[in-house]
C-alpha atoms as a PDB file:
ATOM      1  CA  MET A   1       0.207  -0.118   0.011  1.00  0.00           C
ATOM      2  CA  LYS A   2       1.416   3.413  -0.988  1.00  0.00           C
ATOM      3  CA  LYS A   3       1.760   6.289   1.673  1.00  0.00           C
ATOM      4  CA  PRO A   4      -0.550   9.292   0.988  1.00  0.00           C
ATOM      5  CA  THR A   5       1.470  12.308  -0.437  1.00  0.00           C
ATOM      6  CA  SER A   6       1.088  15.676   1.026  1.00  0.00           C
ATOM      7  CA  LYS A   7       1.399  18.939  -1.007  1.00  0.00           C
ATOM      8  CA  ARG A   8       3.843  20.824   0.563  1.00  0.00           C
ATOM      9  CA  SER A   9       4.984  24.084  -0.723  1.00  0.00           C
ATOM     10  CA  LEU A  10       8.820  24.663  -1.630  1.00  0.00           C
ATOM     11  CA  PRO A  11      10.424  26.776   0.806  1.00  0.00           C
ATOM     12  CA  LEU A  12      11.064  30.409  -0.213  1.00  0.00           C
ATOM     13  CA  PRO A  13      14.495  31.507  -0.482  1.00  0.00           C
ATOM     14  CA  SER A  14      15.764  33.809   2.111  1.00  0.00           C
ATOM     15  CA  LEU A  15      14.908  37.619   2.159  1.00  0.00           C
ATOM     16  CA  GLU A  16      17.731  39.879   0.845  1.00  0.00           C
ATOM     17  CA  ALA A  17      17.873  43.441   0.031  1.00  0.00           C
ATOM     18  CA  GLY A  18      17.304  43.995  -3.610  1.00  0.00           C
ATOM     19  CA  GLN A  19      14.833  41.383  -4.130  1.00  0.00           C
ATOM     20  CA  VAL A  20      11.521  41.770  -6.348  1.00  0.00           C
ATOM     21  CA  TRP A  21       8.800  39.557  -5.783  1.00  0.00           C
ATOM     22  CA  ARG A  22       5.840  39.269  -8.164  1.00  0.00           C
ATOM     23  CA  MET A  23       2.197  38.570  -7.258  1.00  0.00           C
ATOM     24  CA  ALA A  24      -1.088  38.379  -9.041  1.00  0.00           C
ATOM     25  CA  ASP A  25      -1.726  42.303  -9.120  1.00  0.00           C
ATOM     26  CA  SER A  26       1.224  43.904  -7.399  1.00  0.00           C
ATOM     27  CA  HIS A  27       4.866  43.638  -6.604  1.00  0.00           C
ATOM     28  CA  LEU A  28       7.234  44.072  -3.515  1.00  0.00           C
ATOM     29  CA  GLN A  29      10.772  44.971  -3.483  1.00  0.00           C
ATOM     30  CA  VAL A  30      12.924  44.545  -0.304  1.00  0.00           C
ATOM     31  CA  GLY A  31      14.924  47.117   0.727  1.00  0.00           C
ATOM     32  CA  LEU A  32      16.863  46.729   4.067  1.00  0.00           C
ATOM     33  CA  VAL A  33      17.127  43.211   5.772  1.00  0.00           C
ATOM     34  CA  GLY A  34      17.908  42.934   9.609  1.00  0.00           C
ATOM     35  CA  LYS A  35      18.008  40.490  12.153  1.00  0.00           C
ATOM     36  CA  ALA A  36      14.202  40.387  12.743  1.00  0.00           C
ATOM     37  CA  LEU A  37      12.655  43.268  10.710  1.00  0.00           C
ATOM     38  CA  VAL A  38      12.467  43.888   6.909  1.00  0.00           C
ATOM     39  CA  HIS A  39      12.095  47.395   5.158  1.00  0.00           C
ATOM     40  CA  TYR A  40       9.996  46.645   1.855  1.00  0.00           C
ATOM     41  CA  LYS A  41       7.960  48.609  -0.608  1.00  0.00           C
ATOM     42  CA  HIS A  42       4.597  46.993  -1.914  1.00  0.00           C
ATOM     43  CA  PHE A  43       3.438  48.471  -5.336  1.00  0.00           C
ATOM     44  CA  LYS A  44       0.160  47.986  -6.608  1.00  0.00           C
ATOM     45  CA  GLY A  45      -1.039  48.549 -10.139  1.00  0.00           C
ATOM     46  CA  GLN A  46       0.799  51.421 -11.978  1.00  0.00           C
ATOM     47  CA  LEU A  47       1.987  53.554  -8.776  1.00  0.00           C
ATOM     48  CA  LYS A  48       5.020  55.394  -9.269  1.00  0.00           C
ATOM     49  CA  ARG A  49       5.678  55.690  -5.714  1.00  0.00           C
ATOM     50  CA  SER A  50       4.964  53.403  -2.581  1.00  0.00           C
ATOM     51  CA  PRO A  51       5.491  53.975   1.137  1.00  0.00           C
ATOM     52  CA  VAL A  52       8.308  52.043   2.886  1.00  0.00           C
ATOM     53  CA  SER A  53       6.963  49.487   5.140  1.00  0.00           C
ATOM     54  CA  LEU A  54       8.519  47.707   7.799  1.00  0.00           C
ATOM     55  CA  SER A  55       7.394  44.195   9.335  1.00  0.00           C
ATOM     56  CA  SER A  56       9.051  41.124  10.960  1.00  0.00           C
ATOM     57  CA  LYS A  57      10.601  38.557   8.465  1.00  0.00           C
ATOM     58  CA  GLU A  58       8.090  35.757   9.658  1.00  0.00           C
ATOM     59  CA  VAL A  59       5.162  38.081   8.640  1.00  0.00           C
ATOM     60  CA  LEU A  60       6.538  39.018   5.547  1.00  0.00           C
ATOM     61  CA  ILE A  61       7.348  35.395   4.452  1.00  0.00           C
ATOM     62  CA  LYS A  62       3.816  34.411   5.304  1.00  0.00           C
ATOM     63  CA  PHE A  63       2.368  37.133   3.370  1.00  0.00           C
ATOM     64  CA  LEU A  64       4.420  36.105   0.197  1.00  0.00           C
ATOM     65  CA  ARG A  65       3.384  32.525   0.596  1.00  0.00           C
ATOM     66  CA  ALA A  66      -0.354  33.068   0.873  1.00  0.00           C
ATOM     67  CA  ASN A  67      -0.195  35.526  -2.426  1.00  0.00           C
ATOM     68  CA  LYS A  68       1.897  32.921  -4.193  1.00  0.00           C
ATOM     69  CA  ALA A  69       4.709  35.373  -4.684  1.00  0.00           C
ATOM     70  CA  THR A  70       7.440  34.339  -7.245  1.00  0.00           C
ATOM     71  CA  LEU A  71      10.998  35.707  -7.181  1.00  0.00           C
ATOM     72  CA  VAL A  72      11.769  37.946  -9.955  1.00  0.00           C
ATOM     73  CA  ARG A  73      15.391  39.082  -9.434  1.00  0.00           C
ATOM     74  CA  GLU A  74      17.616  39.358  -6.476  1.00  0.00           C
END
């Protein structure tokens, strides 16, 4: 009898400065990465400017997984 296979998501690469992540209708650019916090810009649509946001690494990684983000460039 075969073991049931579970669908596991691939681990996301570690967050580094300069990365651009693409989502369905927006993209996110990682700025500074510290020990626990990340500065990033979240661009939605054709906006030319976006405020710099700050959150923990864990929260940002959960957000990227939930929105099925793909890494465009580092």
